[in-house]
Amino acid sequence: MARAPGAAALAFTVVIPARYASSRLPGKPLADLGGKPMVVRVCEQARASGAARVCVATDDERIARAVRAHGFEALMTRPEHASGTDRIAEAAAALGLPDQAIVVNVQGDEPLIPPPLIAQAAALLDAHPEASVSTACHPIRDAASVFNPNVTKAVLDARGYALYFSRAPIPYARDAYAAGGREPPADLPCFRHLGIYGYRAGFLQRFARLAPSPLERFEALEQLRVLWHGYRIVVAVVEDPGAPGVDTPEDLEAARARFDPGSDSG
């Protein structure tokens, strides 16, 4: 149930999946950002969110050693997981979390994720007992993002629950895009999905047993498995998503600039 006013602060666990393998940036979690590995910077943001526990779930001993060397918890998980959510499910079971415990999945390549966003994902799920998953999105207005297949779009209902996620430009503004136009209308409810999720530990175990959906396979979006099987995802619309994650060498250089010891952001 939702927390009553004046109740104790919500206790939640952050689990950070971190794999060494990466097609574009091998060893990405260990990339140096201002003297610390990227995954440790993510841990610091998670700790600042007020999480009761922060744990990195990895399949690589090098990552685990780096995390522990900086005073954070690391858990070894199986290497063959098909998705980060499956790795989170294994970690939640190994941590012995009760079914109603809230687990927030923070990606290991988000060293600048705003701590309040992490806390918000946990609080949103706590406030919506009918939801199995919480996540976040933010409005997008530029045509480049709307039509970029690497930008996942979210479509919401009137109560803030997800109707669908897609790499396609949805909702599709038929009249505005007629005859090849690409400028989205100013009032188009188009949202970019942010890769953060809150789960209840019990649902994570159910998710791990759910069959992948055709939608998930074609869109390459694992959250569609949740919707396909009839579970609900509640979505917060935020105005400040923070800096983007690190997916490319250019992203890595931009993140390094933010953590430069000579700057004010390190």
Protein backbone atom coordinates (compact mmCIF):
# COMPACT_ATOMS: atom_id res chain seq x y z
CA MET A 1 0.00 0.00 0.00
CA ALA A 2 1.02 3.61 -0.45
CA ARG A 3 2.94 5.19 2.40
CA ALA A 4 0.92 7.36 4.79
CA PRO A 5 1.99 10.95 5.47
CA GLY A 6 4.55 11.06 8.25
CA ALA A 7 5.49 7.39 7.79
CA ALA A 8 9.10 6.24 7.85
CA ALA A 9 11.13 6.79 4.68
CA LEU A 10 10.65 4.17 2.00
CA ALA A 11 13.34 1.49 2.10
CA PHE A 12 14.42 0.25 -1.30
CA THR A 13 17.37 -1.58 -2.85
CA VAL A 14 19.26 -0.47 -5.94
CA VAL A 15 20.73 -3.25 -8.08
CA ILE A 16 23.10 -2.20 -10.86
CA PRO A 17 23.64 -4.79 -13.62
CA ALA A 18 27.13 -4.49 -15.09
CA ARG A 19 28.64 -6.68 -17.78
CA TYR A 20 32.18 -6.41 -19.06
CA ALA A 21 31.25 -7.29 -22.65
CA SER A 22 30.09 -4.47 -24.90
CA SER A 23 30.01 -4.36 -28.68
CA ARG A 24 31.12 -0.72 -28.83
CA LEU A 25 32.87 -0.18 -25.51
CA PRO A 26 34.34 -3.39 -24.04
CA GLY A 27 35.01 -3.00 -20.33
CA LYS A 28 32.72 0.02 -20.16
CA PRO A 29 31.84 -0.35 -16.44
CA LEU A 30 35.54 0.04 -15.60
CA ALA A 31 36.12 3.12 -17.77
CA ASP A 32 37.85 5.80 -15.71
CA LEU A 33 35.80 8.87 -14.81
CA GLY A 34 37.79 11.32 -12.74
CA GLY A 35 39.83 8.62 -11.02
CA LYS A 36 37.00 6.14 -10.36
CA PRO A 37 35.45 3.40 -12.52
CA MET A 38 32.17 4.31 -14.17
CA VAL A 39 30.25 1.64 -12.25
CA VAL A 40 31.49 3.13 -8.96
CA ARG A 41 30.21 6.55 -10.06
CA VAL A 42 26.83 4.91 -10.65
CA CYS A 43 26.99 3.39 -7.15
CA GLU A 44 27.64 6.84 -5.70
CA GLN A 45 24.55 8.27 -7.43
CA ALA A 46 22.50 5.33 -6.16
CA ARG A 47 23.74 5.82 -2.60
CA ALA A 48 22.84 9.52 -2.80
CA SER A 49 19.25 8.55 -3.68
CA GLY A 50 18.66 7.32 -0.14
CA ALA A 51 18.63 3.64 -1.06
CA ALA A 52 18.90 1.30 1.91
CA ARG A 53 21.21 -0.96 -0.08
CA VAL A 54 23.24 -0.66 -3.27
CA CYS A 55 24.54 -3.78 -5.01
CA VAL A 56 26.25 -4.35 -8.35
CA ALA A 57 25.23 -7.57 -10.12
CA THR A 58 27.98 -8.66 -12.49
CA ASP A 59 29.40 -11.68 -14.28
CA ASP A 60 33.00 -10.43 -14.22
CA GLU A 61 35.42 -10.63 -11.30
CA ARG A 62 37.26 -7.50 -12.45
CA ILE A 63 34.11 -5.45 -12.03
CA ALA A 64 33.34 -7.06 -8.67
CA ARG A 65 36.84 -6.31 -7.38
CA ALA A 66 36.67 -2.67 -8.47
CA VAL A 67 33.28 -2.19 -6.82
CA ARG A 68 34.37 -3.77 -3.54
CA ALA A 69 37.61 -1.80 -3.53
CA HIS A 70 35.52 1.38 -3.34
CA GLY A 71 33.38 0.10 -0.48
CA PHE A 72 30.30 -1.05 -2.37
CA GLU A 73 28.64 -4.46 -2.52
CA ALA A 74 29.08 -6.71 -5.56
CA LEU A 75 27.32 -9.98 -6.35
CA MET A 76 28.47 -12.50 -8.93
CA THR A 77 25.69 -13.67 -11.25
CA ARG A 78 25.50 -16.15 -14.10
CA PRO A 79 27.00 -15.01 -17.42
CA GLU A 80 24.26 -16.38 -19.68
CA HIS A 81 21.41 -14.00 -18.78
CA ALA A 82 19.52 -12.77 -21.82
CA SER A 83 18.65 -9.41 -20.25
CA GLY A 84 19.57 -7.09 -17.44
CA THR A 85 16.22 -7.79 -15.78
CA ASP A 86 16.99 -11.50 -15.61
CA ARG A 87 20.30 -10.62 -13.91
CA ILE A 88 18.44 -8.36 -11.48
CA ALA A 89 16.05 -11.23 -10.68
CA GLU A 90 18.93 -13.54 -9.83
CA ALA A 91 20.49 -10.87 -7.63
CA ALA A 92 17.23 -10.16 -5.78
CA ALA A 93 16.84 -13.86 -5.01
CA ALA A 94 20.45 -14.15 -3.85
CA LEU A 95 19.99 -11.12 -1.59
CA GLY A 96 17.00 -12.81 0.03
CA LEU A 97 14.68 -9.86 -0.56
CA PRO A 98 11.03 -10.43 0.45
CA ASP A 99 8.39 -10.38 -2.29
CA GLN A 100 7.16 -6.85 -1.47
CA ALA A 101 10.65 -5.32 -1.34
CA ILE A 102 11.18 -2.64 -3.97
CA VAL A 103 14.19 -3.04 -6.23
CA VAL A 104 15.32 -0.25 -8.54
CA ASN A 105 17.32 -1.22 -11.61
CA VAL A 106 19.90 1.47 -12.41
CA GLN A 107 21.99 0.79 -15.48
CA GLY A 108 25.76 0.53 -15.01
CA ASP A 109 26.40 3.09 -17.76
CA GLU A 110 24.43 5.95 -16.13
CA PRO A 111 27.12 7.73 -14.07
CA LEU A 112 25.19 11.00 -14.06
CA ILE A 113 21.70 9.70 -13.33
CA PRO A 114 19.98 12.13 -10.92
CA PRO A 115 19.61 10.54 -7.46
CA PRO A 116 16.07 11.98 -7.08
CA LEU A 117 15.03 10.07 -10.21
CA ILE A 118 16.11 6.81 -8.58
CA ALA A 119 14.13 7.61 -5.44
CA GLN A 120 11.15 8.63 -7.56
CA ALA A 121 11.07 5.25 -9.33
CA ALA A 122 10.83 3.52 -5.95
CA ALA A 123 8.21 5.90 -4.55
CA LEU A 124 6.08 5.67 -7.70
CA LEU A 125 5.84 1.89 -7.45
CA ASP A 126 5.12 2.08 -3.74
CA ALA A 127 2.23 4.47 -4.45
CA HIS A 128 0.70 2.22 -7.16
CA PRO A 129 0.09 -1.25 -5.74
CA GLU A 130 -1.70 -2.34 -8.92
CA ALA A 131 1.48 -1.80 -10.95
CA SER A 132 4.18 -4.43 -11.25
CA VAL A 133 6.84 -2.10 -12.64
CA SER A 134 7.62 1.62 -12.49
CA THR A 135 9.73 3.64 -14.89
CA ALA A 136 10.10 7.19 -16.21
CA CYS A 137 10.04 9.25 -19.38
CA HIS A 138 10.41 12.86 -20.45
CA PRO A 139 8.83 14.94 -23.23
CA ILE A 140 10.61 15.18 -26.55
CA ARG A 141 9.93 17.82 -29.14
CA ASP A 142 12.68 17.58 -31.76
CA ALA A 143 12.16 15.61 -34.94
CA ALA A 144 15.61 14.02 -34.72
CA SER A 145 14.69 12.27 -31.47
CA VAL A 146 11.16 11.40 -32.55
CA PHE A 147 12.37 9.60 -35.67
CA ASN A 148 15.54 8.10 -34.14
CA PRO A 149 15.09 4.32 -33.68
CA ASN A 150 17.66 4.40 -30.88
CA VAL A 151 15.30 6.63 -28.88
CA THR A 152 12.58 4.51 -27.26
CA LYS A 153 9.20 6.23 -27.18
CA ALA A 154 6.53 5.62 -24.53
CA VAL A 155 2.79 6.04 -24.96
CA LEU A 156 0.77 6.51 -21.74
CA ASP A 157 -2.87 6.34 -20.76
CA ALA A 158 -4.78 9.02 -18.81
CA ARG A 159 -3.57 7.62 -15.44
CA GLY A 160 0.09 7.41 -16.38
CA TYR A 161 0.26 3.70 -17.18
CA ALA A 162 2.18 2.52 -20.22
CA LEU A 163 0.18 1.53 -23.29
CA TYR A 164 3.20 0.72 -25.44
CA PHE A 165 6.90 1.33 -25.99
CA SER A 166 8.45 1.52 -29.45
CA ARG A 167 11.44 2.59 -31.46
CA ALA A 168 9.03 3.97 -34.05
CA PRO A 169 7.79 7.59 -34.00
CA ILE A 170 4.70 7.11 -31.84
CA PRO A 171 2.18 8.56 -31.38
CA TYR A 172 2.19 9.21 -35.11
CA ALA A 173 0.97 12.69 -36.04
CA ARG A 174 -0.74 11.73 -39.30
CA ASP A 175 -1.64 15.19 -40.55
CA ALA A 176 1.60 16.87 -39.47
CA TYR A 177 3.69 14.16 -41.13
CA ALA A 178 1.64 14.07 -44.29
CA ALA A 179 3.62 14.39 -47.52
CA GLY A 180 6.88 13.73 -45.76
CA GLY A 181 6.74 16.40 -43.05
CA ARG A 182 8.80 15.61 -39.95
CA GLU A 183 8.11 18.40 -37.46
CA PRO A 184 6.08 17.08 -34.50
CA PRO A 185 3.19 19.30 -33.37
CA ALA A 186 3.91 21.27 -30.20
CA ASP A 187 1.13 19.48 -28.32
CA LEU A 188 2.02 15.96 -29.44
CA PRO A 189 2.28 13.76 -26.30
CA CYS A 190 5.58 12.19 -27.30
CA PHE A 191 7.86 10.89 -24.56
CA ARG A 192 11.34 9.42 -24.48
CA HIS A 193 11.61 6.41 -22.20
CA LEU A 194 14.36 6.52 -19.57
CA GLY A 195 16.09 3.24 -18.78
CA ILE A 196 15.28 3.03 -15.08
CA TYR A 197 12.88 0.52 -13.54
CA GLY A 198 11.38 -0.20 -10.16
CA TYR A 199 10.15 -3.73 -9.39
CA ARG A 200 8.79 -5.68 -6.47
CA ALA A 201 11.14 -8.55 -5.75
CA GLY A 202 8.35 -11.10 -6.13
CA PHE A 203 7.49 -9.84 -9.61
CA LEU A 204 11.13 -10.12 -10.65
CA GLN A 205 10.94 -13.87 -10.03
CA ARG A 206 7.74 -14.09 -12.12
CA PHE A 207 9.31 -12.02 -14.89
CA ALA A 208 12.23 -14.44 -15.13
CA ARG A 209 9.76 -17.24 -15.90
CA LEU A 210 7.71 -15.33 -18.49
CA ALA A 211 8.15 -16.31 -22.12
CA PRO A 212 9.58 -13.55 -24.33
CA SER A 213 6.96 -11.88 -26.51
CA PRO A 214 7.04 -11.37 -30.29
CA LEU A 215 6.82 -7.62 -29.67
CA GLU A 216 9.93 -7.77 -27.51
CA ARG A 217 11.78 -9.77 -30.15
CA PHE A 218 11.02 -7.38 -33.01
CA GLU A 219 11.38 -4.10 -31.08
CA ALA A 220 14.32 -5.35 -28.95
CA LEU A 221 12.62 -3.88 -25.87
CA GLU A 222 12.30 -6.26 -22.94
CA GLN A 223 9.70 -4.13 -21.13
CA LEU A 224 7.21 -5.23 -23.78
CA ARG A 225 7.29 -8.68 -22.18
CA VAL A 226 5.66 -7.15 -19.11
CA LEU A 227 2.80 -5.59 -21.12
CA TRP A 228 2.38 -8.65 -23.34
CA HIS A 229 1.62 -10.82 -20.34
CA GLY A 230 -0.90 -8.37 -18.90
CA TYR A 231 1.11 -6.68 -16.16
CA ARG A 232 1.04 -2.92 -15.67
CA ILE A 233 3.86 -0.38 -15.85
CA VAL A 234 3.36 3.01 -14.19
CA VAL A 235 5.38 5.85 -15.68
CA ALA A 236 6.54 9.15 -14.19
CA VAL A 237 6.87 12.08 -16.59
CA VAL A 238 9.90 14.14 -15.58
CA GLU A 239 11.20 17.39 -17.01
CA ASP A 240 14.88 16.90 -16.08
CA PRO A 241 16.16 13.48 -17.17
CA GLY A 242 19.77 14.30 -16.36
CA ALA A 243 22.71 13.62 -18.66
CA PRO A 244 22.44 10.70 -21.09
CA GLY A 245 24.06 7.34 -20.43
CA VAL A 246 27.31 6.17 -21.99
CA ASP A 247 26.71 4.17 -25.18
CA THR A 248 29.41 5.43 -27.54
CA PRO A 249 33.03 6.64 -27.37
CA GLU A 250 31.69 10.18 -27.77
CA ASP A 251 29.38 9.68 -24.77
CA LEU A 252 32.34 8.45 -22.75
CA GLU A 253 34.40 11.53 -23.55
CA ALA A 254 31.48 13.78 -22.61
CA ALA A 255 31.12 11.97 -19.27
CA ARG A 256 34.85 12.26 -18.62
CA ALA A 257 34.63 16.00 -19.16
CA ARG A 258 31.94 16.19 -16.47
CA PHE A 259 34.17 14.37 -13.98
CA ASP A 260 37.38 16.22 -14.86
CA PRO A 261 39.11 17.15 -11.57
CA GLY A 262 39.58 20.66 -12.91
CA SER A 263 35.86 21.22 -13.42
CA ASP A 264 33.12 22.00 -10.91
CA SER A 265 31.15 18.82 -11.71
CA GLY A 266 33.55 16.16 -10.50
